[in-house]
Structure formats: structure tokens, C-alpha cells
Amino acid sequence: MKHFGIIGNPVAHSFSEQYFTDKFANEQIEADYKRFELNTIELVKTYLNQLDGCNITIPYKQAILPYLNSIDDVAQQIGAVNVVDKHKKGYNTDWIGFTRSIQPLLQPTDLNALILGTGGVAKAVYYALKRLGIQPTYVSRNTPNLTYAELTADIIRQHTIIVNCTPLGMWPNIQDCPDIDYSAITTAHLLYDCIYNPQETLFLQHGREHGARIKNGLEMLYIQADEAWQIWKN
């Protein structure tokens, strides 16, 4: 039997374990998939040696890099890894999941995007948006990015895509959301939340209330998971 899992902190919210457990049962694959919540990245060495493949989630998508034997070219460009194979080679399938899930919602007027956060998911989203011909800008508490304090209503109106790549609003802290001026959101906007638990975060609720297109990260999860399986089964 082969062993797979997800490594991060927290991982209690993750649907990945159920997704792969169901997949393995339905396709009669002799494998299991478990959650591994690590308090520090240094503990990852043991699991990389024991597992036939794993997913990496927050906050370790960048911190995992020094523990890998090699990194795929695209993951190297992105600067973050969310999939590791049995040879301890790192890949990024987040950008594929994000691209395929957001594409059907895009309109010709979607030329500029704001990415809330600068972590591993944000880096994959940045890479994906650039490939889609959309100009992304990071928003974070720190310079040299655009800070939340600098994020005026005019800037929000000029950027019709806003992607939440922070954990704000993720279960169980469902009353949290990024601190932006939601009154500047219009029907021309698309709000995308990489969070999928809960299905509609407070961030997305605010978007819906202002008539924006909204989408959560569940389809992104499924697509990146399928891409991960293509890597693991080879």
C-alpha cells in the first residue's frame, strides 16, 4: 500500500483527505491519505521519507523548498511548492487549478488584479494571472507591495479582479475578512477566494452584496489535486 498526505498547519479544515480517500476507494487504488499538522517545518524530514507523495499547504509552501532534492521549473519560477513526489521533487499545481477555475468567469474588461497576501498561494495566483494576460499587484501589510492603508477606493475600482490568498475567513474564524473598502466593489468586479471552507466567506458575501461575480477555491482544490495525482502515479 502507498501512503500520501497533506502537510501544513492548520489542516483540520482540509477537504483533501476525504477527496483522496474517496478517490482511492472508487478507483480501487491501494493507498491511504492522512493529515499531518506540523508545528514547525523542521519536522517535515520524517514525513518526506515515509510518504510516496504529499501536498503542502499553509504556511509551508515556501518553507519546504530547502528540504527538497529538486524543484520543477515552474515551481521554481513561482517560488512555492504544493506537491512533492516520492523523490522529494517539488511541483506547483495551484496555478493550474486557479487558472482553469477562474477562466470561465473572466471578461474582456478584466485587465488588472489585486492579490491579497504574498504567501505560497499568492505566488501561484500571480504566475497564473500573468499567463492570462492580467496585470497583478500584491497587497500586504508590508512594503514594497501595495499596503492595505494605500488601497483606496479608486484603486479598487481600477482592479476588477480581487483574489484573497490570505487565511482570513477560513473555518473556524468565519467572521474574519480582508480589511478593504468593500463599498468600492461594483458589478464589474470578480472576487475570488482561495478559501473553500466555508463555501461562502465573508469576503465573498461582501462581493455578492455589491453584485460582483464571486467564486471560492473548491474547484481550484479539485483541479490541483487531480494534477497532483498525475504526478504521484508516474
Foldseek 3Di string as FASTA:
>chain_A
DAEEEEEEPPCPQPPVQVVVVVVCVVVVNPYHYYYDYDPDPVVCLVVLQRHQKYFYDPPCQQVCVVVAPEEDPVCVVLNGFGMAGNNRYGYDLLLVLVLVVCVVVDDPLQAEEEEEDDGSSSSSVCVNCVVVNHHYFYEDCDPPGNYQVNQDLVNCLNHQEYEYPDCFCAPPNQVGDDPHDLVSAALSHEYEYLHPVPVAGPSNVSNVVRNYHYGYNPSSVVRSSVVSVVVSVD
